[in-house]
Structure formats: structure tokens, C-alpha cells
C-alpha atoms as a PDB file:
ATOM      1  CA  MET A   1     133.074 119.753 222.132  1.00  0.00           C
ATOM      2  CA  GLN A   2     134.964 120.125 225.400  1.00  0.00           C
ATOM      3  CA  GLU A   3     137.870 117.859 226.302  1.00  0.00           C
ATOM      4  CA  PHE A   4     138.258 117.045 229.979  1.00  0.00           C
ATOM      5  CA  SER A   5     139.874 114.594 232.375  1.00  0.00           C
ATOM      6  CA  LEU A   6     137.513 111.992 233.793  1.00  0.00           C
ATOM      7  CA  LYS A   7     138.456 111.118 237.387  1.00  0.00           C
ATOM      8  CA  CYS A   8     137.827 107.557 238.550  1.00  0.00           C
ATOM      9  CA  ALA A   9     137.320 106.462 242.150  1.00  0.00           C
ATOM     10  CA  ASP A  10     140.673 104.624 242.132  1.00  0.00           C
ATOM     11  CA  GLY A  11     142.530 107.756 241.000  1.00  0.00           C
ATOM     12  CA  ALA A  12     142.908 106.998 237.299  1.00  0.00           C
ATOM     13  CA  ALA A  13     142.353 109.950 234.957  1.00  0.00           C
ATOM     14  CA  LEU A  14     140.765 109.175 231.597  1.00  0.00           C
ATOM     15  CA  ALA A  15     140.462 111.201 228.401  1.00  0.00           C
ATOM     16  CA  ALA A  16     136.869 112.276 227.825  1.00  0.00           C
ATOM     17  CA  ASP A  17     134.853 114.626 225.628  1.00  0.00           C
ATOM     18  CA  TRP A  18     131.678 116.510 226.526  1.00  0.00           C
ATOM     19  CA  TYR A  19     129.249 117.598 223.814  1.00  0.00           C
ATOM     20  CA  PRO A  20     126.904 120.174 225.351  1.00  0.00           C
ATOM     21  CA  ALA A  21     123.413 120.623 223.953  1.00  0.00           C
ATOM     22  CA  GLN A  22     121.317 123.783 223.983  1.00  0.00           C
ATOM     23  CA  ASP A  23     118.012 123.392 225.828  1.00  0.00           C
ATOM     24  CA  ALA A  24     119.035 119.877 226.820  1.00  0.00           C
ATOM     25  CA  VAL A  25     116.356 117.542 228.131  1.00  0.00           C
ATOM     26  CA  ALA A  26     118.679 114.655 229.034  1.00  0.00           C
ATOM     27  CA  ALA A  27     122.249 113.378 228.792  1.00  0.00           C
ATOM     28  CA  VAL A  28     123.779 110.336 227.122  1.00  0.00           C
ATOM     29  CA  VAL A  29     126.986 108.461 227.885  1.00  0.00           C
ATOM     30  CA  ILE A  30     128.383 106.505 224.938  1.00  0.00           C
ATOM     31  CA  GLY A  31     130.068 103.306 226.131  1.00  0.00           C
ATOM     32  CA  ALA A  32     132.630 102.090 223.632  1.00  0.00           C
ATOM     33  CA  ALA A  33     133.192  98.618 222.289  1.00  0.00           C
ATOM     34  CA  THR A  34     136.330  96.681 223.198  1.00  0.00           C
ATOM     35  CA  GLY A  35     139.410  98.365 221.758  1.00  0.00           C
ATOM     36  CA  VAL A  36     137.570 101.316 220.171  1.00  0.00           C
ATOM     37  CA  ARG A  37     138.551 104.947 220.801  1.00  0.00           C
ATOM     38  CA  LYS A  38     136.112 107.659 221.838  1.00  0.00           C
ATOM     39  CA  ARG A  39     136.743 109.662 218.681  1.00  0.00           C
ATOM     40  CA  PHE A  40     134.971 106.945 216.673  1.00  0.00           C
ATOM     41  CA  TYR A  41     131.728 108.014 218.366  1.00  0.00           C
ATOM     42  CA  GLY A  42     132.192 111.750 217.842  1.00  0.00           C
ATOM     43  CA  ASP A  43     129.786 112.132 214.923  1.00  0.00           C
ATOM     44  CA  LEU A  44     126.980 110.447 216.832  1.00  0.00           C
ATOM     45  CA  ALA A  45     127.753 112.538 219.917  1.00  0.00           C
ATOM     46  CA  GLN A  46     127.490 115.740 217.868  1.00  0.00           C
ATOM     47  CA  HIS A  47     124.160 114.571 216.446  1.00  0.00           C
ATOM     48  CA  LEU A  48     122.847 113.839 219.938  1.00  0.00           C
ATOM     49  CA  ALA A  49     123.862 117.316 221.067  1.00  0.00           C
ATOM     50  CA  ALA A  50     122.024 118.839 218.109  1.00  0.00           C
ATOM     51  CA  ARG A  51     118.895 117.024 219.295  1.00  0.00           C
ATOM     52  CA  GLU A  52     118.811 118.346 222.874  1.00  0.00           C
ATOM     53  CA  LEU A  53     120.866 115.541 224.388  1.00  0.00           C
ATOM     54  CA  HIS A  54     124.175 116.252 226.091  1.00  0.00           C
ATOM     55  CA  ALA A  55     126.695 113.547 225.154  1.00  0.00           C
ATOM     56  CA  LEU A  56     129.817 112.205 226.832  1.00  0.00           C
ATOM     57  CA  THR A  57     132.437 109.959 225.240  1.00  0.00           C
ATOM     58  CA  PHE A  58     135.548 108.558 226.908  1.00  0.00           C
ATOM     59  CA  ASP A  59     138.462 106.184 226.416  1.00  0.00           C
ATOM     60  CA  TYR A  60     138.735 103.232 228.775  1.00  0.00           C
ATOM     61  CA  ARG A  61     142.094 102.978 230.524  1.00  0.00           C
ATOM     62  CA  GLY A  62     144.599 101.279 228.218  1.00  0.00           C
ATOM     63  CA  ILE A  63     142.820 102.552 225.089  1.00  0.00           C
ATOM     64  CA  GLY A  64     143.384 105.624 222.896  1.00  0.00           C
ATOM     65  CA  ALA A  65     144.229 108.800 224.771  1.00  0.00           C
ATOM     66  CA  SER A  66     143.811 106.879 228.068  1.00  0.00           C
ATOM     67  CA  ARG A  67     146.427 104.302 227.110  1.00  0.00           C
ATOM     68  CA  ASP A  68     148.735 105.302 229.970  1.00  0.00           C
ATOM     69  CA  ALA A  69     146.025 106.086 232.529  1.00  0.00           C
ATOM     70  CA  ALA A  70     146.975 103.045 234.630  1.00  0.00           C
ATOM     71  CA  PRO A  71     149.916 100.635 234.776  1.00  0.00           C
ATOM     72  CA  ALA A  72     149.789  97.763 232.301  1.00  0.00           C
ATOM     73  CA  GLY A  73     148.375  94.631 233.880  1.00  0.00           C
ATOM     74  CA  SER A  74     146.632  96.516 236.683  1.00  0.00           C
ATOM     75  CA  PHE A  75     143.138  96.451 235.178  1.00  0.00           C
ATOM     76  CA  ASP A  76     140.680  94.252 233.349  1.00  0.00           C
ATOM     77  CA  MET A  77     137.213  94.484 231.791  1.00  0.00           C
ATOM     78  CA  ARG A  78     135.583  94.649 235.198  1.00  0.00           C
ATOM     79  CA  THR A  79     137.691  97.741 235.903  1.00  0.00           C
ATOM     80  CA  TRP A  80     136.411  99.302 232.692  1.00  0.00           C
ATOM     81  CA  ALA A  81     132.848  98.895 233.978  1.00  0.00           C
ATOM     82  CA  GLU A  82     133.240  99.295 237.735  1.00  0.00           C
ATOM     83  CA  GLN A  83     135.617 102.266 237.561  1.00  0.00           C
ATOM     84  CA  ASP A  84     135.669 103.847 234.088  1.00  0.00           C
ATOM     85  CA  LEU A  85     132.016 103.638 233.100  1.00  0.00           C
ATOM     86  CA  ALA A  86     130.988 104.460 236.660  1.00  0.00           C
ATOM     87  CA  ALA A  87     133.075 107.646 236.507  1.00  0.00           C
ATOM     88  CA  ALA A  88     131.500 108.583 233.169  1.00  0.00           C
ATOM     89  CA  ILE A  89     128.013 108.128 234.644  1.00  0.00           C
ATOM     90  CA  ASP A  90     128.894 110.361 237.585  1.00  0.00           C
ATOM     91  CA  ALA A  91     130.455 113.017 235.348  1.00  0.00           C
ATOM     92  CA  ALA A  92     127.474 113.112 232.978  1.00  0.00           C
ATOM     93  CA  THR A  93     125.116 113.451 235.937  1.00  0.00           C
ATOM     94  CA  GLN A  94     127.134 116.339 237.353  1.00  0.00           C
ATOM     95  CA  ARG A  95     127.665 118.142 234.061  1.00  0.00           C
ATOM     96  CA  SER A  96     123.987 117.888 233.121  1.00  0.00           C
ATOM     97  CA  TYR A  97     122.874 119.078 236.585  1.00  0.00           C
ATOM     98  CA  GLY A  98     120.931 115.923 237.231  1.00  0.00           C
ATOM     99  CA  LEU A  99     119.002 115.604 233.978  1.00  0.00           C
ATOM    100  CA  PRO A 100     117.774 112.089 233.098  1.00  0.00           C
ATOM    101  CA  LEU A 101     120.618 109.906 231.873  1.00  0.00           C
ATOM    102  CA  ALA A 102     120.922 107.202 229.211  1.00  0.00           C
ATOM    103  CA  LEU A 103     123.693 104.942 227.964  1.00  0.00           C
ATOM    104  CA  ILE A 104     124.283 104.031 224.335  1.00  0.00           C
ATOM    105  CA  GLY A 105     126.464 100.963 224.627  1.00  0.00           C
ATOM    106  CA  HIS A 106     128.328  99.517 221.667  1.00  0.00           C
ATOM    107  CA  SER A 107     129.067  95.806 222.136  1.00  0.00           C
ATOM    108  CA  PHE A 108     130.895  95.622 225.510  1.00  0.00           C
ATOM    109  CA  GLY A 109     129.577  99.101 226.309  1.00  0.00           C
ATOM    110  CA  GLY A 110     126.069  97.651 226.532  1.00  0.00           C
ATOM    111  CA  GLN A 111     127.244  94.831 228.781  1.00  0.00           C
ATOM    112  CA  ALA A 112     129.233  97.080 231.104  1.00  0.00           C
ATOM    113  CA  LEU A 113     126.162  98.797 232.542  1.00  0.00           C
ATOM    114  CA  GLY A 114     125.366  95.594 234.430  1.00  0.00           C
ATOM    115  CA  LEU A 115     128.684  95.812 236.286  1.00  0.00           C
ATOM    116  CA  ALA A 116     128.705  99.560 237.036  1.00  0.00           C
ATOM    117  CA  PRO A 117     128.029 100.088 240.757  1.00  0.00           C
ATOM    118  CA  ASN A 118     126.052 103.287 240.090  1.00  0.00           C
ATOM    119  CA  ASN A 119     123.985 101.974 237.170  1.00  0.00           C
ATOM    120  CA  GLU A 120     120.750 102.982 238.898  1.00  0.00           C
ATOM    121  CA  ALA A 121     121.542 106.558 237.829  1.00  0.00           C
ATOM    122  CA  VAL A 122     120.924 105.451 234.233  1.00  0.00           C
ATOM    123  CA  SER A 123     117.279 105.371 233.173  1.00  0.00           C
ATOM    124  CA  ALA A 124     117.591 103.978 229.647  1.00  0.00           C
ATOM    125  CA  LEU A 125     119.975 101.753 227.702  1.00  0.00           C
ATOM    126  CA  VAL A 126     120.402 101.420 223.951  1.00  0.00           C
ATOM    127  CA  GLY A 127     122.599  98.472 223.014  1.00  0.00           C
ATOM    128  CA  ILE A 128     124.131  98.325 219.541  1.00  0.00           C
ATOM    129  CA  SER A 129     125.313  94.773 218.845  1.00  0.00           C
ATOM    130  CA  ALA A 130     125.605  94.377 222.618  1.00  0.00           C
ATOM    131  CA  GLN A 131     125.646  90.706 223.465  1.00  0.00           C
ATOM    132  CA  SER A 132     126.618  87.875 225.743  1.00  0.00           C
ATOM    133  CA  GLY A 133     129.886  86.520 224.382  1.00  0.00           C
ATOM    134  CA  HIS A 134     129.545  82.816 225.102  1.00  0.00           C
ATOM    135  CA  TRP A 135     130.593  81.017 221.928  1.00  0.00           C
ATOM    136  CA  ARG A 136     127.588  78.647 221.905  1.00  0.00           C
ATOM    137  CA  ASN A 137     125.323  81.583 220.942  1.00  0.00           C
ATOM    138  CA  TRP A 138     126.912  81.653 217.503  1.00  0.00           C
ATOM    139  CA  ARG A 139     125.806  79.616 214.475  1.00  0.00           C
ATOM    140  CA  GLY A 140     127.485  77.788 211.601  1.00  0.00           C
ATOM    141  CA  ILE A 141     130.951  78.856 210.506  1.00  0.00           C
ATOM    142  CA  HIS A 142     130.807  81.830 212.882  1.00  0.00           C
ATOM    143  CA  LYS A 143     130.431  79.456 215.823  1.00  0.00           C
ATOM    144  CA  LEU A 144     133.612  77.674 214.756  1.00  0.00           C
ATOM    145  CA  LYS A 145     135.421  81.001 214.339  1.00  0.00           C
ATOM    146  CA  MET A 146     134.263  82.214 217.745  1.00  0.00           C
ATOM    147  CA  TRP A 147     135.346  78.972 219.444  1.00  0.00           C
ATOM    148  CA  ALA A 148     138.761  79.132 217.780  1.00  0.00           C
ATOM    149  CA  THR A 149     139.231  82.813 218.600  1.00  0.00           C
ATOM    150  CA  MET A 150     138.496  82.419 222.299  1.00  0.00           C
ATOM    151  CA  HIS A 151     140.072  78.995 222.863  1.00  0.00           C
ATOM    152  CA  VAL A 152     143.143  79.296 220.647  1.00  0.00           C
ATOM    153  CA  VAL A 153     143.825  82.634 218.966  1.00  0.00           C
ATOM    154  CA  LEU A 154     143.499  85.137 221.825  1.00  0.00           C
ATOM    155  CA  PRO A 155     145.261  82.990 224.466  1.00  0.00           C
ATOM    156  CA  THR A 156     148.102  82.146 222.072  1.00  0.00           C
ATOM    157  CA  VAL A 157     148.674  85.622 220.652  1.00  0.00           C
ATOM    158  CA  SER A 158     148.503  87.296 224.060  1.00  0.00           C
ATOM    159  CA  ALA A 159     150.972  84.775 225.479  1.00  0.00           C
ATOM    160  CA  ILE A 160     153.458  85.309 222.640  1.00  0.00           C
ATOM    161  CA  VAL A 161     153.237  89.021 221.814  1.00  0.00           C
ATOM    162  CA  GLY A 162     151.412  90.524 224.808  1.00  0.00           C
ATOM    163  CA  ASP A 163     148.992  93.253 223.736  1.00  0.00           C
ATOM    164  CA  LEU A 164     146.946  92.330 220.667  1.00  0.00           C
ATOM    165  CA  PRO A 165     147.838  94.388 217.587  1.00  0.00           C
ATOM    166  CA  ALA A 166     145.468  97.143 216.471  1.00  0.00           C
ATOM    167  CA  GLY A 167     142.815  95.849 214.106  1.00  0.00           C
ATOM    168  CA  MET A 168     142.884  92.282 215.377  1.00  0.00           C
ATOM    169  CA  MET A 169     140.037  92.585 217.900  1.00  0.00           C
ATOM    170  CA  GLY A 170     139.220  96.285 217.790  1.00  0.00           C
ATOM    171  CA  LYS A 171     140.439  99.560 216.374  1.00  0.00           C
ATOM    172  CA  ASP A 172     143.188  99.960 218.997  1.00  0.00           C
ATOM    173  CA  PRO A 173     145.832  97.649 220.486  1.00  0.00           C
ATOM    174  CA  LEU A 174     144.130  95.550 223.151  1.00  0.00           C
ATOM    175  CA  PRO A 175     145.898  95.159 226.509  1.00  0.00           C
ATOM    176  CA  LYS A 176     146.966  91.598 227.214  1.00  0.00           C
ATOM    177  CA  ARG A 177     144.997  91.209 230.446  1.00  0.00           C
ATOM    178  CA  ILE A 178     141.829  92.464 228.752  1.00  0.00           C
ATOM    179  CA  ALA A 179     142.208  89.962 225.914  1.00  0.00           C
ATOM    180  CA  ARG A 180     142.782  87.045 228.266  1.00  0.00           C
ATOM    181  CA  GLN A 181     139.828  87.871 230.513  1.00  0.00           C
ATOM    182  CA  TRP A 182     137.541  88.390 227.525  1.00  0.00           C
ATOM    183  CA  ALA A 183     138.554  85.006 226.086  1.00  0.00           C
ATOM    184  CA  GLY A 184     137.956  83.364 229.464  1.00  0.00           C
ATOM    185  CA  TRP A 185     134.504  84.869 229.756  1.00  0.00           C
ATOM    186  CA  CYS A 186     133.575  83.731 226.252  1.00  0.00           C
ATOM    187  CA  ARG A 187     134.695  80.171 227.024  1.00  0.00           C
ATOM    188  CA  GLY A 188     132.666  79.963 230.234  1.00  0.00           C
ATOM    189  CA  PRO A 189     128.969  79.038 230.199  1.00  0.00           C
ATOM    190  CA  HIS A 190     127.924  82.166 232.124  1.00  0.00           C
ATOM    191  CA  TYR A 191     129.999  84.672 230.098  1.00  0.00           C
ATOM    192  CA  MET A 192     130.774  87.406 232.687  1.00  0.00           C
ATOM    193  CA  HIS A 193     131.985  85.587 235.795  1.00  0.00           C
ATOM    194  CA  ASP A 194     134.295  86.140 238.751  1.00  0.00           C
ATOM    195  CA  ALA A 195     137.598  84.365 239.375  1.00  0.00           C
ATOM    196  CA  GLY A 196     135.744  81.408 240.856  1.00  0.00           C
ATOM    197  CA  GLY A 197     133.417  81.015 237.896  1.00  0.00           C
ATOM    198  CA  LYS A 198     130.358  82.546 239.613  1.00  0.00           C
ATOM    199  CA  PRO A 199     128.123  84.525 237.218  1.00  0.00           C
ATOM    200  CA  LEU A 200     128.275  88.294 237.663  1.00  0.00           C
ATOM    201  CA  ARG A 201     124.584  89.137 237.729  1.00  0.00           C
ATOM    202  CA  ASP A 202     123.826  91.220 240.830  1.00  0.00           C
ATOM    203  CA  GLY A 203     124.290  94.561 239.068  1.00  0.00           C
ATOM    204  CA  PHE A 204     122.258  93.431 236.089  1.00  0.00           C
ATOM    205  CA  SER A 205     119.381  92.389 238.344  1.00  0.00           C
ATOM    206  CA  ARG A 206     119.572  95.655 240.262  1.00  0.00           C
ATOM    207  CA  TRP A 207     119.030  97.765 237.156  1.00  0.00           C
ATOM    208  CA  ARG A 208     115.341  98.462 236.465  1.00  0.00           C
ATOM    209  CA  GLY A 209     115.385 100.899 233.561  1.00  0.00           C
ATOM    210  CA  ALA A 210     114.158 100.594 229.975  1.00  0.00           C
ATOM    211  CA  ALA A 211     116.408  98.987 227.381  1.00  0.00           C
ATOM    212  CA  ARG A 212     116.328  98.566 223.640  1.00  0.00           C
ATOM    213  CA  LEU A 213     118.935  96.128 222.323  1.00  0.00           C
ATOM    214  CA  TYR A 214     119.533  96.185 218.575  1.00  0.00           C
ATOM    215  CA  HIS A 215     120.488  93.053 216.691  1.00  0.00           C
ATOM    216  CA  LEU A 216     121.975  94.044 213.315  1.00  0.00           C
ATOM    217  CA  THR A 217     121.212  91.402 210.734  1.00  0.00           C
ATOM    218  CA  ASP A 218     124.529  91.674 208.884  1.00  0.00           C
ATOM    219  CA  ASP A 219     126.652  91.310 212.039  1.00  0.00           C
ATOM    220  CA  PRO A 220     126.714  87.510 212.478  1.00  0.00           C
ATOM    221  CA  MET A 221     130.356  87.435 213.592  1.00  0.00           C
ATOM    222  CA  TYR A 222     130.017  89.750 216.579  1.00  0.00           C
ATOM    223  CA  GLY A 223     126.314  90.143 217.376  1.00  0.00           C
ATOM    224  CA  PRO A 224     124.068  87.205 216.419  1.00  0.00           C
ATOM    225  CA  ARG A 225     120.530  87.481 217.733  1.00  0.00           C
ATOM    226  CA  PRO A 226     120.810  84.618 220.288  1.00  0.00           C
ATOM    227  CA  ALA A 227     123.771  86.428 221.876  1.00  0.00           C
ATOM    228  CA  VAL A 228     121.837  89.713 222.020  1.00  0.00           C
ATOM    229  CA  GLU A 229     118.847  87.913 223.518  1.00  0.00           C
ATOM    230  CA  GLU A 230     121.010  86.270 226.165  1.00  0.00           C
ATOM    231  CA  LEU A 231     122.338  89.662 227.240  1.00  0.00           C
ATOM    232  CA  ALA A 232     118.735  90.877 227.454  1.00  0.00           C
ATOM    233  CA  SER A 233     118.040  88.035 229.882  1.00  0.00           C
ATOM    234  CA  PHE A 234     120.825  89.267 232.184  1.00  0.00           C
ATOM    235  CA  TYR A 235     118.833  92.477 232.765  1.00  0.00           C
ATOM    236  CA  ALA A 236     116.197  90.377 234.485  1.00  0.00           C
ATOM    237  CA  ASN A 237     114.242  93.184 236.186  1.00  0.00           C
ATOM    238  CA  ALA A 238     114.407  95.764 233.402  1.00  0.00           C
ATOM    239  CA  ASP A 239     111.928  96.554 230.628  1.00  0.00           C
ATOM    240  CA  VAL A 240     113.935  95.135 227.712  1.00  0.00           C
ATOM    241  CA  GLU A 241     113.103  94.693 224.035  1.00  0.00           C
ATOM    242  CA  VAL A 242     115.301  93.188 221.315  1.00  0.00           C
ATOM    243  CA  LEU A 243     114.879  94.623 217.830  1.00  0.00           C
ATOM    244  CA  SER A 244     116.415  93.405 214.570  1.00  0.00           C
ATOM    245  CA  ARG A 245     117.417  95.934 211.926  1.00  0.00           C
ATOM    246  CA  SER A 246     118.899  95.408 208.476  1.00  0.00           C
ATOM    247  CA  PRO A 247     121.020  97.985 206.627  1.00  0.00           C
ATOM    248  CA  ALA A 248     118.067  98.662 204.300  1.00  0.00           C
ATOM    249  CA  ASP A 249     115.892  99.625 207.277  1.00  0.00           C
ATOM    250  CA  TRP A 250     118.126 102.654 207.793  1.00  0.00           C
ATOM    251  CA  GLY A 251     119.071 103.306 204.160  1.00  0.00           C
ATOM    252  CA  ALA A 252     122.631 102.022 204.625  1.00  0.00           C
ATOM    253  CA  ASP A 253     124.704  99.775 202.380  1.00  0.00           C
ATOM    254  CA  LYS A 254     125.978  97.803 205.358  1.00  0.00           C
ATOM    255  CA  LEU A 255     126.101  98.024 209.130  1.00  0.00           C
ATOM    256  CA  GLU A 256     127.987  94.997 210.424  1.00  0.00           C
ATOM    257  CA  HIS A 257     129.567  95.716 213.827  1.00  0.00           C
ATOM    258  CA  PHE A 258     130.630  99.324 213.344  1.00  0.00           C
ATOM    259  CA  GLY A 259     128.423 100.874 210.657  1.00  0.00           C
ATOM    260  CA  PHE A 260     125.714 102.187 212.967  1.00  0.00           C
ATOM    261  CA  PHE A 261     128.157 104.813 214.235  1.00  0.00           C
ATOM    262  CA  ARG A 262     128.915 106.214 210.787  1.00  0.00           C
ATOM    263  CA  ALA A 263     126.914 108.994 209.173  1.00  0.00           C
ATOM    264  CA  GLN A 264     125.349 106.610 206.633  1.00  0.00           C
ATOM    265  CA  ALA A 265     123.160 105.297 209.474  1.00  0.00           C
ATOM    266  CA  LYS A 266     121.654 108.647 210.519  1.00  0.00           C
ATOM    267  CA  ALA A 267     118.187 107.195 210.092  1.00  0.00           C
ATOM    268  CA  GLY A 268     119.138 104.762 212.839  1.00  0.00           C
ATOM    269  CA  TRP A 269     120.481 107.581 214.988  1.00  0.00           C
ATOM    270  CA  ASP A 270     117.165 109.396 214.664  1.00  0.00           C
ATOM    271  CA  GLU A 271     115.211 106.252 215.560  1.00  0.00           C
ATOM    272  CA  VAL A 272     117.317 105.848 218.697  1.00  0.00           C
ATOM    273  CA  ILE A 273     117.025 109.543 219.584  1.00  0.00           C
ATOM    274  CA  GLY A 274     113.250 109.406 219.208  1.00  0.00           C
ATOM    275  CA  TRP A 275     113.103 106.471 221.606  1.00  0.00           C
ATOM    276  CA  LEU A 276     115.418 108.196 224.084  1.00  0.00           C
ATOM    277  CA  HIS A 277     113.277 111.331 224.065  1.00  0.00           C
ATOM    278  CA  ALA A 278     110.200 109.212 224.710  1.00  0.00           C
ATOM    279  CA  GLN A 279     111.883 107.480 227.652  1.00  0.00           C
ATOM    280  CA  LEU A 280     113.718 110.416 229.207  1.00  0.00           C
ATOM    281  CA  ALA A 281     111.635 113.486 228.346  1.00  0.00           C
ATOM    282  CA  PRO A 282     108.190 112.291 227.257  1.00  0.00           C
ATOM    283  CA  ASN A 283     106.657 115.766 227.549  1.00  0.00           C
ATOM    284  CA  SER A 284     109.368 117.642 225.640  1.00  0.00           C
END
């Protein structure tokens, strides 16, 4: 693994790791979930590299080793996609000398591709519990929890204490502006929208790659199937399939929102890698 500084178009420098593969046939960027550090994805990145896929992980500005990459309050979730993910896509393309490129996006990481201005450089997307966050996609008690979180909890906590404490909505403290924008998106009927309420869909429609979005059956709080399916609909001109998987399908005790990225789910990693090879290097 090689640590390096990821340069964004606006001048921010992010912490990133490159996992080079021997005889690589393609490269993969791993897009993190909200408030999750790059190191969480290191085991998967190493496994990708062992299977002829270069891998790149990075911390969004305000998170992990990129916590001080930009002044507090100067960025939001759109910045994460339009600047940070875009820089990761460019870096992976350069470091792999133009090999085919994929994104494995965890939660927000799978949404962010639709906002990245250079997303056409990505040929394939794997979404793990990647979803549209509008609260009406949830069911039962989880719908009530989601409504309360986005209408009451996040706005109140961010107003009183600023950044959300680590563990509340992610593995890392969540910058205040990120939390407030996320809550606003989840309250609005279109989820990702601009300051005037207009849906952000142009980048999603522009992307024409192949996508496989995984709904994990024991993740009802963060990734219910209707929310995954709604995100699939955003990628209107792509070849998208939504698949449901239970922990038993991959020999795991549980998956929930984070378990796919732990070694217990290696059967899932291999399923994803097989699909990526078929999409990116069908003759390898």
C-alpha cells in the first residue's frame, strides 16, 4: 500500500492510499460512506489488489486524515462528490495508465458518482447499501426513526454542539454543514437537490455504465430495498440491476450497514470481483 496526497481541483489535498496489483486488468476507487475513514476499506482494497484490480481509497475532506484539508464550513456533500471523488477518479485513471475503472460505493459513495463531473471515466458501479435517503422509502418503525433523525435529531444536535460526535452517524465526527445538508436532502422529496430545491439529476442521467446495487436484507435502518431501488432510478440511462443478499448468502453472521467490508464477507467480495472482471476485462 502506498500513501499519497490526492489533489483536488480547488486545491484541497486529501489523504489517500493506493493498492497496486500485479498484472492489473482494471482499477477500482472505493467511495466511502458518510463519516467513515478510508482505513475501514483497507482489507477489501488489499483483496482487490490480490485479484488483479488496483484499488484506491481516500478520506473526504473533514474526515479522518483529511479532517483539516479544508476550512470548517467551506464544504458540503456536493463538494465530496464534485471535488473529492472527482479527484480520486482522475488519480486512479492516471495511476493505472488508463485501465478500465470502477467504483465500489458504500452508501453515500454509491450516490456520489451521479454528482462527479468526470463520472463518464467510470465504467462500472457496485453500490453497497447505496440508496436514496428520502425518509418515505423506509418502512415501519424505521420510517419513524428516519423521520425523527432528519427532522429533529440532526438539526438539533448540529445546532447545539456543531459537529456530530463520532459514532452517532458514522465512524468519525461528522462536520456540521455535512449533517445539515444531509438532513435537508432526506427531508426533501427529491433527496439530492440544489439550494432552490431542484433535483440534482444531470450527472446521473449522463452516466451510461453498468451498475449492480446491493440491498442487504438485514440493513433496514440504512438501506431498505425501496431506497436502493430509488437510487437505481436516478441512473436513468445506465444498465442497472438491484440484487438482494442476506448474510447467509455469503456465509456471514450479519452484514447490516458495515459488515460487507469485513473479512467475514469475503464470499461477497469474490462475487463482486467476479462481476467487475466480467464488466471491465471480459477476456482476462
